[in-house]
Amino acid sequence: MDKRADLGRFLRRRRETAPPLVTTGSRRRTPGLRREEVAELASISTVYYERLEQGRGSLPSAPVLGGLAQALRLDDDARDHLYRLAGHAPPVRPGNGEDVDPALDYVMGAVAGTTPASITDGLGDVLKQNRLNRELLGDVSGLPGWEANLTWRWFTSPAWRDLMEPRDQHEASGLAYAADLRAGLARREPDARAAALLADLLAASEEFVEAWDRHVVSALHCAAKVIDHPEVGRIDLECSVITSPTSPQRLLLLKPTPGTPSAARIGRLAAPYNQCVVTPLADS
């Protein structure tokens, strides 16, 4: 696929369908924007912009793409597509901080009585857990430093990962965490927090260094979990990851493995939370 040609076609089509500039007394014979108008709004030369539409020359830099996205009034999805056509990672969308994605939060609440779940940001920081998740994995969200970060906990807390998985899965899971972090960093614009997490992991864990040096890049996929709970016994879980379409956040669901008594055992843990008091209607 010729990225330059695809980029040119995309720019031309979006320019032709962009809202036209309105000036007093002007009459537009054609819809959209003129090339020189896009160039002026994006703070680049008209000649350079024409070359981009023609699929010629070098691919634009990230700052130029930002100017083009503003000039053409692209929404987030179209802007991200523009960056990818030019070979750049799209800028991180708003919502990568402490504000929990409302759609993911709704789903987590909907399954709270049956499924342990948590929401993480693009770096793997746990932003929120439901009661069952805290019951099985401990209260992680809101801890200071990197203690709320799943990748950090995996590589620096052997007791915590022993709680979740058999040791014969640890190498594969460690590689998956490192690969997900590499993918997450590739999607972000450089920032101090991401750089600090990587530097601290490289300094703290030789195991992480080995996994990082393998240069595997992949979105997070969770291995099956086996948790021996002191009250209800062994719980076998399958992990599913749901990504948000509007933010870098993800919902991690731990579903009881079919064919095992895990669902009933989770039900016993959830019983105190699921009980509700029904108030009879007053006689009319």
Protein backbone atom coordinates (compact mmCIF):
# COMPACT_ATOMS: atom_id res chain seq x y z
CA MET A 1 0.00 0.00 0.00
CA ASP A 2 1.38 3.42 -1.00
CA LYS A 3 1.05 5.58 2.10
CA ARG A 4 1.80 8.79 0.21
CA ALA A 5 -0.97 8.13 -2.32
CA ASP A 6 -3.46 7.20 0.40
CA LEU A 7 -2.50 10.27 2.41
CA GLY A 8 -2.99 12.48 -0.65
CA ARG A 9 -6.42 11.04 -1.40
CA PHE A 10 -7.48 11.42 2.22
CA LEU A 11 -6.35 15.05 2.41
CA ARG A 12 -8.01 15.94 -0.88
CA ARG A 13 -11.34 14.35 0.08
CA ARG A 14 -11.40 15.95 3.53
CA ARG A 15 -10.45 19.35 2.07
CA GLU A 16 -13.30 19.11 -0.43
CA THR A 17 -15.82 18.29 2.32
CA ALA A 18 -14.48 20.64 5.02
CA PRO A 19 -16.66 23.56 6.13
CA PRO A 20 -15.69 26.55 3.93
CA LEU A 21 -14.29 29.74 5.35
CA VAL A 22 -16.89 32.49 5.48
CA THR A 23 -15.78 36.05 4.79
CA THR A 24 -17.91 39.13 4.39
CA GLY A 25 -19.08 39.62 0.82
CA SER A 26 -17.43 36.46 -0.51
CA ARG A 27 -19.18 33.92 -2.73
CA ARG A 28 -17.98 30.34 -2.90
CA ARG A 29 -18.48 28.52 -6.18
CA THR A 30 -17.17 25.22 -4.83
CA PRO A 31 -17.68 23.52 -1.45
CA GLY A 32 -14.90 22.88 0.99
CA LEU A 33 -11.58 24.67 1.29
CA ARG A 34 -9.05 25.80 -1.29
CA ARG A 35 -5.53 24.36 -1.10
CA GLU A 36 -4.05 27.73 -0.22
CA GLU A 37 -6.56 28.10 2.62
CA VAL A 38 -5.60 24.74 4.12
CA ALA A 39 -1.92 25.62 3.79
CA GLU A 40 -2.39 28.97 5.50
CA LEU A 41 -4.43 27.46 8.34
CA ALA A 42 -1.83 24.71 8.83
CA SER A 43 1.10 27.17 8.67
CA ILE A 44 2.77 25.42 5.73
CA SER A 45 3.45 26.52 2.15
CA THR A 46 0.87 25.99 -0.56
CA VAL A 47 3.47 24.25 -2.71
CA TYR A 48 4.21 21.74 0.05
CA TYR A 49 0.53 21.09 0.64
CA GLU A 50 -0.07 20.52 -3.07
CA ARG A 51 2.74 17.96 -3.09
CA LEU A 52 1.10 16.15 -0.18
CA GLU A 53 -2.21 15.92 -2.02
CA GLN A 54 -0.37 14.65 -5.09
CA GLY A 55 1.32 11.91 -3.05
CA ARG A 56 4.81 13.28 -3.65
CA GLY A 57 7.70 14.12 -1.37
CA SER A 58 8.41 13.06 2.18
CA LEU A 59 5.71 12.22 4.69
CA PRO A 60 4.83 15.14 7.02
CA SER A 61 6.06 15.47 10.60
CA ALA A 62 3.80 15.20 13.65
CA PRO A 63 3.57 19.02 14.10
CA VAL A 64 2.53 19.42 10.46
CA LEU A 65 -0.10 16.70 10.90
CA GLY A 66 -1.45 18.53 13.94
CA GLY A 67 -1.80 21.71 11.88
CA LEU A 68 -3.52 19.85 9.04
CA ALA A 69 -5.94 18.17 11.45
CA GLN A 70 -6.93 21.58 12.85
CA ALA A 71 -7.16 23.18 9.41
CA LEU A 72 -9.45 20.43 8.10
CA ARG A 73 -11.41 20.32 11.40
CA LEU A 74 -10.97 16.58 11.80
CA ASP A 75 -12.63 14.73 14.64
CA ASP A 76 -10.57 12.39 16.82
CA ASP A 77 -11.06 9.30 14.64
CA ALA A 78 -10.17 11.11 11.41
CA ARG A 79 -7.18 12.78 13.07
CA ASP A 80 -5.87 9.42 14.31
CA HIS A 81 -6.26 7.99 10.81
CA LEU A 82 -4.31 10.93 9.35
CA TYR A 83 -1.42 10.28 11.74
CA ARG A 84 -1.34 6.57 10.91
CA LEU A 85 -1.35 7.25 7.17
CA ALA A 86 1.78 9.35 7.71
CA GLY A 87 3.44 6.66 9.83
CA HIS A 88 3.02 8.38 13.21
CA ALA A 89 1.36 7.25 16.42
CA PRO A 90 -1.77 9.33 17.05
CA PRO A 91 -1.68 11.71 20.02
CA VAL A 92 -3.12 10.32 23.23
CA ARG A 93 -6.74 11.32 23.56
CA PRO A 94 -8.09 13.08 26.64
CA GLY A 95 -9.06 10.70 29.40
CA ASN A 96 -5.64 9.18 30.06
CA GLY A 97 -5.50 10.58 33.57
CA GLU A 98 -7.49 9.79 36.66
CA ASP A 99 -10.96 10.29 35.16
CA VAL A 100 -12.41 6.83 34.57
CA ASP A 101 -13.95 6.21 31.16
CA PRO A 102 -17.74 6.31 31.84
CA ALA A 103 -18.60 3.55 29.34
CA LEU A 104 -16.09 1.12 30.83
CA ASP A 105 -17.20 2.11 34.33
CA TYR A 106 -20.81 1.28 33.42
CA VAL A 107 -19.88 -2.18 32.16
CA MET A 108 -17.77 -2.85 35.25
CA GLY A 109 -20.71 -1.88 37.44
CA ALA A 110 -23.09 -4.07 35.44
CA VAL A 111 -21.01 -7.21 36.10
CA ALA A 112 -20.03 -6.32 39.66
CA GLY A 113 -22.06 -9.16 41.19
CA THR A 114 -20.49 -11.95 39.12
CA THR A 115 -17.18 -10.86 37.62
CA PRO A 116 -14.01 -9.38 39.13
CA ALA A 117 -13.06 -6.37 36.97
CA SER A 118 -10.72 -3.39 36.90
CA ILE A 119 -10.03 -0.40 34.66
CA THR A 120 -6.49 0.60 33.71
CA ASP A 121 -5.04 3.51 31.78
CA GLY A 122 -2.71 3.28 28.78
CA LEU A 123 0.36 2.68 30.96
CA GLY A 124 -1.27 -0.06 33.03
CA ASP A 125 -2.12 2.01 36.12
CA VAL A 126 -5.21 0.60 37.85
CA LEU A 127 -7.74 3.42 38.02
CA LYS A 128 -10.66 1.55 39.57
CA GLN A 129 -11.62 -1.94 40.78
CA ASN A 130 -14.95 -3.48 41.67
CA ARG A 131 -15.42 -5.25 45.00
CA LEU A 132 -14.75 -8.76 43.68
CA ASN A 133 -11.51 -7.66 42.04
CA ARG A 134 -10.31 -6.15 45.32
CA GLU A 135 -11.38 -9.30 47.15
CA LEU A 136 -9.21 -11.49 44.92
CA LEU A 137 -6.24 -9.28 44.04
CA GLY A 138 -6.10 -6.73 46.84
CA ASP A 139 -6.85 -3.02 46.82
CA VAL A 140 -4.45 -1.72 44.16
CA SER A 141 -6.00 1.46 42.75
CA GLY A 142 -4.83 4.66 44.38
CA LEU A 143 -1.59 3.24 45.81
CA PRO A 144 1.39 5.61 45.76
CA GLY A 145 4.27 5.54 43.30
CA TRP A 146 4.15 2.67 40.83
CA GLU A 147 2.31 0.31 43.20
CA ALA A 148 -0.93 0.77 41.24
CA ASN A 149 0.78 -0.17 37.95
CA LEU A 150 0.21 -3.75 36.80
CA THR A 151 3.48 -4.06 34.91
CA TRP A 152 5.47 -2.74 37.86
CA ARG A 153 3.72 -5.06 40.30
CA TRP A 154 4.26 -8.05 38.02
CA PHE A 155 8.02 -7.57 37.79
CA THR A 156 8.68 -6.35 41.33
CA SER A 157 6.23 -8.31 43.50
CA PRO A 158 6.73 -12.09 43.15
CA ALA A 159 4.21 -12.79 45.90
CA TRP A 160 1.51 -10.84 44.05
CA ARG A 161 1.97 -12.67 40.76
CA ASP A 162 2.24 -16.03 42.57
CA LEU A 163 -1.21 -15.23 43.93
CA MET A 164 -2.66 -15.02 40.40
CA GLU A 165 -0.93 -17.54 38.16
CA PRO A 166 0.99 -20.83 38.25
CA ARG A 167 4.72 -20.25 37.96
CA ASP A 168 4.96 -22.08 34.64
CA GLN A 169 2.98 -19.19 33.10
CA HIS A 170 5.15 -16.41 34.50
CA GLU A 171 7.64 -16.12 31.65
CA ALA A 172 4.92 -15.81 29.01
CA SER A 173 2.93 -13.34 31.10
CA GLY A 174 6.03 -11.22 31.80
CA LEU A 175 6.73 -11.02 28.07
CA ALA A 176 3.09 -10.03 27.47
CA TYR A 177 3.32 -7.18 30.02
CA ALA A 178 6.57 -5.89 28.47
CA ALA A 179 5.10 -6.13 24.96
CA ASP A 180 1.99 -4.23 26.04
CA LEU A 181 4.08 -1.49 27.63
CA ARG A 182 6.12 -1.13 24.43
CA ALA A 183 2.88 -0.85 22.42
CA GLY A 184 1.50 1.68 24.91
CA LEU A 185 4.61 3.84 24.71
CA ALA A 186 4.43 3.76 20.90
CA ARG A 187 0.89 5.15 21.02
CA ARG A 188 1.83 8.03 23.33
CA GLU A 189 3.61 11.26 22.68
CA PRO A 190 6.79 11.35 24.81
CA ASP A 191 6.02 12.31 28.40
CA ALA A 192 7.90 12.29 31.68
CA ARG A 193 5.70 9.73 33.43
CA ALA A 194 6.04 7.11 30.70
CA ALA A 195 9.81 7.64 30.51
CA ALA A 196 10.10 7.36 34.30
CA LEU A 197 8.15 4.10 34.43
CA LEU A 198 10.35 2.53 31.77
CA ALA A 199 13.57 3.73 33.44
CA ASP A 200 12.48 2.48 36.86
CA LEU A 201 11.48 -0.94 35.49
CA LEU A 202 14.81 -1.31 33.70
CA ALA A 203 16.62 -0.48 36.94
CA ALA A 204 14.46 -2.65 39.19
CA SER A 205 14.08 -5.94 37.32
CA GLU A 206 16.56 -7.99 35.31
CA GLU A 207 13.61 -10.11 34.20
CA PHE A 208 11.98 -7.02 32.71
CA VAL A 209 15.25 -6.09 30.96
CA GLU A 210 15.34 -9.52 29.31
CA ALA A 211 11.69 -9.28 28.23
CA TRP A 212 12.13 -5.68 27.03
CA ASP A 213 15.19 -6.60 24.97
CA ARG A 214 13.12 -9.07 22.97
CA HIS A 215 11.33 -6.08 21.35
CA VAL A 216 7.94 -7.78 21.19
CA VAL A 217 5.08 -5.31 20.61
CA SER A 218 1.53 -6.42 21.34
CA ALA A 219 -1.63 -5.19 22.99
CA LEU A 220 -2.27 -6.83 26.34
CA HIS A 221 -3.73 -10.32 26.37
CA CYS A 222 -4.27 -11.94 29.73
CA ALA A 223 -3.35 -15.46 30.65
CA ALA A 224 -5.75 -17.63 32.61
CA LYS A 225 -5.67 -17.00 36.34
CA VAL A 226 -5.76 -19.53 39.17
CA ILE A 227 -6.37 -18.04 42.61
CA ASP A 228 -6.46 -20.07 45.82
CA HIS A 229 -8.77 -18.03 48.02
CA PRO A 230 -8.55 -18.71 51.77
CA GLU A 231 -12.34 -18.77 52.19
CA VAL A 232 -13.76 -20.49 49.10
CA GLY A 233 -10.80 -22.40 47.63
CA ARG A 234 -9.47 -22.55 44.08
CA ILE A 235 -10.95 -20.14 41.51
CA ASP A 236 -10.14 -20.60 37.82
CA LEU A 237 -10.55 -17.47 35.74
CA GLU A 238 -10.34 -16.45 32.08
CA CYS A 239 -9.26 -12.88 31.31
CA SER A 240 -10.85 -10.66 28.66
CA VAL A 241 -9.77 -7.13 27.74
CA ILE A 242 -12.22 -4.52 26.49
CA THR A 243 -10.69 -1.34 25.05
CA SER A 244 -12.39 2.04 25.05
CA PRO A 245 -13.07 3.62 21.63
CA THR A 246 -12.56 7.12 23.05
CA SER A 247 -9.64 6.79 25.46
CA PRO A 248 -6.55 4.62 26.09
CA GLN A 249 -8.28 2.95 29.03
CA ARG A 250 -9.11 -0.75 29.21
CA LEU A 251 -11.49 -2.92 31.18
CA LEU A 252 -10.04 -6.22 32.43
CA LEU A 253 -12.68 -8.86 33.15
CA LEU A 254 -11.89 -12.05 35.07
CA LYS A 255 -14.58 -14.55 34.06
CA PRO A 256 -15.12 -17.88 35.84
CA THR A 257 -13.80 -20.73 33.70
CA PRO A 258 -16.70 -22.87 32.38
CA GLY A 259 -16.83 -26.42 33.69
CA THR A 260 -15.28 -25.49 37.03
CA PRO A 261 -16.94 -24.62 40.36
CA SER A 262 -15.45 -21.12 40.10
CA ALA A 263 -18.72 -19.31 39.33
CA ALA A 264 -20.36 -20.74 42.46
CA ARG A 265 -17.32 -19.86 44.57
CA ILE A 266 -17.28 -16.29 43.26
CA GLY A 267 -20.99 -16.19 44.04
CA ARG A 268 -20.19 -17.02 47.67
CA LEU A 269 -17.70 -14.15 47.79
CA ALA A 270 -20.18 -11.78 46.19
CA ALA A 271 -23.14 -12.76 48.38
CA PRO A 272 -22.60 -10.10 51.06
CA TYR A 273 -22.44 -7.40 48.35
CA ASN A 274 -25.41 -8.69 46.37
CA GLN A 275 -27.86 -8.81 49.26
CA CYS A 276 -30.40 -6.06 49.16
CA VAL A 277 -33.26 -5.07 51.37
CA VAL A 278 -36.66 -5.00 49.69
CA THR A 279 -39.05 -2.57 51.30
CA PRO A 280 -42.70 -3.72 50.97
CA LEU A 281 -45.06 -1.27 49.35
CA ALA A 282 -47.36 0.40 51.81
CA ASP A 283 -50.99 -0.70 51.65
CA SER A 284 -53.01 1.72 49.67
